[in-house]
C-alpha atoms as a PDB file:
ATOM      1  CA  HIS A   1      99.631  89.083  97.935  1.00  0.00           C
ATOM      2  CA  TYR A   2      96.332  86.567  98.339  1.00  0.00           C
ATOM      3  CA  PRO A   3      97.128  82.363  97.471  1.00  0.00           C
ATOM      4  CA  ALA A   4      95.106  81.205  95.101  1.00  0.00           C
ATOM      5  CA  THR A   5      93.193  79.293  96.806  1.00  0.00           C
ATOM      6  CA  ASP A   6      91.522  82.798  98.706  1.00  0.00           C
ATOM      7  CA  ILE A   7      89.683  83.112  95.147  1.00  0.00           C
ATOM      8  CA  PRO A   8      86.846  80.430  95.287  1.00  0.00           C
ATOM      9  CA  GLN A   9      87.216  77.990  91.878  1.00  0.00           C
ATOM     10  CA  ALA A  10      83.562  79.433  90.901  1.00  0.00           C
ATOM     11  CA  SER A  11      85.311  82.847  90.920  1.00  0.00           C
ATOM     12  CA  ARG A  12      87.842  82.324  88.704  1.00  0.00           C
ATOM     13  CA  PHE A  13      86.195  80.583  86.971  1.00  0.00           C
ATOM     14  CA  LEU A  14      84.326  83.954  86.028  1.00  0.00           C
ATOM     15  CA  PHE A  15      86.821  86.278  85.887  1.00  0.00           C
ATOM     16  CA  GLN A  16      88.297  83.805  83.243  1.00  0.00           C
ATOM     17  CA  GLN A  17      84.826  84.872  81.566  1.00  0.00           C
ATOM     18  CA  LYS A  18      84.435  87.581  82.510  1.00  0.00           C
ATOM     19  CA  TRP A  19      87.192  89.919  82.920  1.00  0.00           C
ATOM     20  CA  VAL A  20      86.330  92.968  84.414  1.00  0.00           C
ATOM     21  CA  ARG A  21      83.857  93.176  88.052  1.00  0.00           C
ATOM     22  CA  MET A  22      82.456  96.124  89.519  1.00  0.00           C
ATOM     23  CA  ILE A  23      80.349  96.258  92.744  1.00  0.00           C
ATOM     24  CA  VAL A  24      78.938  99.766  92.586  1.00  0.00           C
ATOM     25  CA  ASP A  25      77.828  99.081  96.514  1.00  0.00           C
ATOM     26  CA  CYS A  26      78.037  96.424  98.478  1.00  0.00           C
ATOM     27  CA  HIS A  27      75.577  97.624 101.067  1.00  0.00           C
ATOM     28  CA  ALA A  28      72.544  97.310  98.108  1.00  0.00           C
ATOM     29  CA  ILE A  29      70.027  95.454  98.075  1.00  0.00           C
ATOM     30  CA  SER A  30      69.725  92.979  95.373  1.00  0.00           C
ATOM     31  CA  VAL A  31      67.201  92.338  93.055  1.00  0.00           C
ATOM     32  CA  PRO A  32      66.121  89.048  92.213  1.00  0.00           C
ATOM     33  CA  VAL A  33      65.721  87.224  88.830  1.00  0.00           C
ATOM     34  CA  ILE A  34      63.365  85.907  87.602  1.00  0.00           C
ATOM     35  CA  GLN A  35      62.987  83.257  84.884  1.00  0.00           C
ATOM     36  CA  ASP A  36      59.679  82.720  82.807  1.00  0.00           C
ATOM     37  CA  ASP A  37      58.818  79.117  83.203  1.00  0.00           C
ATOM     38  CA  LEU A  38      58.169  79.377  79.140  1.00  0.00           C
ATOM     39  CA  LEU A  39      62.474  79.303  78.961  1.00  0.00           C
ATOM     40  CA  MET A  40      64.199  76.305  77.164  1.00  0.00           C
ATOM     41  CA  HIS A  41      67.606  77.041  78.620  1.00  0.00           C
ATOM     42  CA  PRO A  42      68.105  78.438  82.251  1.00  0.00           C
ATOM     43  CA  LEU A  43      68.867  81.725  82.332  1.00  0.00           C
ATOM     44  CA  CYS A  44      72.976  82.424  82.514  1.00  0.00           C
ATOM     45  CA  LEU A  45      74.240  85.736  83.963  1.00  0.00           C
ATOM     46  CA  VAL A  46      77.598  84.827  83.961  1.00  0.00           C
ATOM     47  CA  GLY A  47      77.742  87.546  81.277  1.00  0.00           C
ATOM     48  CA  SER A  48      76.755  90.247  83.738  1.00  0.00           C
ATOM     49  CA  THR A  49      78.230  93.017  85.313  1.00  0.00           C
ATOM     50  CA  LEU A  50      76.217  93.808  87.922  1.00  0.00           C
ATOM     51  CA  ARG A  51      75.910  90.624  89.538  1.00  0.00           C
ATOM     52  CA  ALA A  52      74.903  90.612  93.479  1.00  0.00           C
ATOM     53  CA  PRO A  53      78.279  89.950  95.310  1.00  0.00           C
ATOM     54  CA  HIS A  54      78.457  87.034  97.608  1.00  0.00           C
ATOM     55  CA  GLY A  55      77.094  87.322 101.369  1.00  0.00           C
ATOM     56  CA  CYS A  56      80.801  86.353 102.831  1.00  0.00           C
ATOM     57  CA  HIS A  57      82.360  88.544 100.296  1.00  0.00           C
ATOM     58  CA  ALA A  58      80.091  91.397 101.063  1.00  0.00           C
ATOM     59  CA  GLN A  59      81.086  91.091 104.494  1.00  0.00           C
ATOM     60  CA  TYR A  60      84.545  91.448 103.913  1.00  0.00           C
ATOM     61  CA  MET A  61      84.298  94.380 102.526  1.00  0.00           C
ATOM     62  CA  ALA A  62      82.116  95.857 104.177  1.00  0.00           C
ATOM     63  CA  ASN A  63      84.924  95.327 107.304  1.00  0.00           C
ATOM     64  CA  MET A  64      87.024  96.706 104.759  1.00  0.00           C
ATOM     65  CA  GLY A  65      85.325 100.135 105.499  1.00  0.00           C
ATOM     66  CA  SER A  66      85.354  99.292 101.003  1.00  0.00           C
ATOM     67  CA  VAL A  67      81.380 100.168  99.834  1.00  0.00           C
ATOM     68  CA  ALA A  68      82.743  99.873  96.087  1.00  0.00           C
ATOM     69  CA  SER A  69      85.078  97.752  94.124  1.00  0.00           C
ATOM     70  CA  LEU A  70      86.427  96.896  90.345  1.00  0.00           C
ATOM     71  CA  VAL A  71      87.888  94.531  90.115  1.00  0.00           C
ATOM     72  CA  VAL A  72      90.709  93.572  86.617  1.00  0.00           C
ATOM     73  CA  ALA A  73      90.978  90.117  86.014  1.00  0.00           C
ATOM     74  CA  VAL A  74      95.038  89.464  84.802  1.00  0.00           C
ATOM     75  CA  MET A  75      95.495  86.809  81.934  1.00  0.00           C
ATOM     76  CA  SER A  76      98.091  84.556  81.104  1.00  0.00           C
ATOM     77  CA  MET A  77      98.764  83.165  77.135  1.00  0.00           C
ATOM     78  CA  ARG A  78     100.280  80.679  76.566  1.00  0.00           C
ATOM     79  CA  LEU A  79      99.932  78.360  72.926  1.00  0.00           C
ATOM     80  CA  VAL A  80      98.620  75.054  73.697  1.00  0.00           C
ATOM     81  CA  ARG A  81     100.566  73.709  70.547  1.00  0.00           C
ATOM     82  CA  LYS A  82     103.553  74.247  68.852  1.00  0.00           C
ATOM     83  CA  VAL A  83     102.503  73.403  65.206  1.00  0.00           C
ATOM     84  CA  ARG A  84     101.500  75.736  62.707  1.00  0.00           C
ATOM     85  CA  GLY A  85      97.550  76.516  63.567  1.00  0.00           C
ATOM     86  CA  GLY A  86      98.408  76.092  67.220  1.00  0.00           C
ATOM     87  CA  ARG A  87      95.824  77.720  69.751  1.00  0.00           C
ATOM     88  CA  HIS A  88      96.101  79.450  73.080  1.00  0.00           C
ATOM     89  CA  SER A  89      94.998  79.193  75.669  1.00  0.00           C
ATOM     90  CA  THR A  90      94.619  81.792  78.242  1.00  0.00           C
ATOM     91  CA  ARG A  91      94.713  81.253  82.209  1.00  0.00           C
ATOM     92  CA  LEU A  92      93.651  83.524  85.309  1.00  0.00           C
ATOM     93  CA  TRP A  93      96.933  85.139  86.401  1.00  0.00           C
ATOM     94  CA  GLY A  94      96.221  87.748  89.053  1.00  0.00           C
ATOM     95  CA  LEU A  95      93.522  89.787  89.657  1.00  0.00           C
ATOM     96  CA  VAL A  96      94.024  93.825  90.311  1.00  0.00           C
ATOM     97  CA  VAL A  97      90.846  95.013  92.884  1.00  0.00           C
ATOM     98  CA  CYS A  98      90.629  98.850  93.265  1.00  0.00           C
ATOM     99  CA  HIS A  99      88.298  99.723  96.544  1.00  0.00           C
ATOM    100  CA  HIS A 100      86.206 102.356  97.302  1.00  0.00           C
ATOM    101  CA  MET A 101      84.989 104.189 100.689  1.00  0.00           C
ATOM    102  CA  SER A 102      81.498 105.474  99.288  1.00  0.00           C
ATOM    103  CA  ALA A 103      79.378 103.670  96.454  1.00  0.00           C
ATOM    104  CA  ARG A 104      80.746 104.131  93.068  1.00  0.00           C
ATOM    105  CA  SER A 105      80.260 102.784  89.377  1.00  0.00           C
ATOM    106  CA  ILE A 106      82.768 103.597  86.644  1.00  0.00           C
ATOM    107  CA  PRO A 107      81.556 104.074  83.380  1.00  0.00           C
ATOM    108  CA  TYR A 108      81.064 101.110  80.529  1.00  0.00           C
ATOM    109  CA  PRO A 109      83.814 102.813  78.268  1.00  0.00           C
ATOM    110  CA  LEU A 110      86.554 102.684  81.335  1.00  0.00           C
ATOM    111  CA  ARG A 111      85.813  98.911  82.075  1.00  0.00           C
ATOM    112  CA  TYR A 112      85.516  98.214  78.193  1.00  0.00           C
ATOM    113  CA  ALA A 113      88.977  99.605  77.311  1.00  0.00           C
ATOM    114  CA  CYS A 114      90.017  97.151  80.992  1.00  0.00           C
END
């Protein structure tokens, strides 16, 4: 059990956008993404599953002896308005975190099922 403050706000935002996150190997060397100067808008990697882990998170995993992880966000849904046609709002309720002691990739169909 971890308090909400243990998960940085930026990470909570990313989990609200992309509910499944996988780190295949926290020791792997990350590859920089270079944006073409001709692009009118900055490149957005919010929807990317395979982003490099933040340095402190990779160190945290290494300290636990973990190399790979799969994290699934648990979202709670609530009705914003109770009038007809009300919309639902979701918020991050928790995380299911799975660790492995060696590099491990979960196939897309299994991640999609989450």
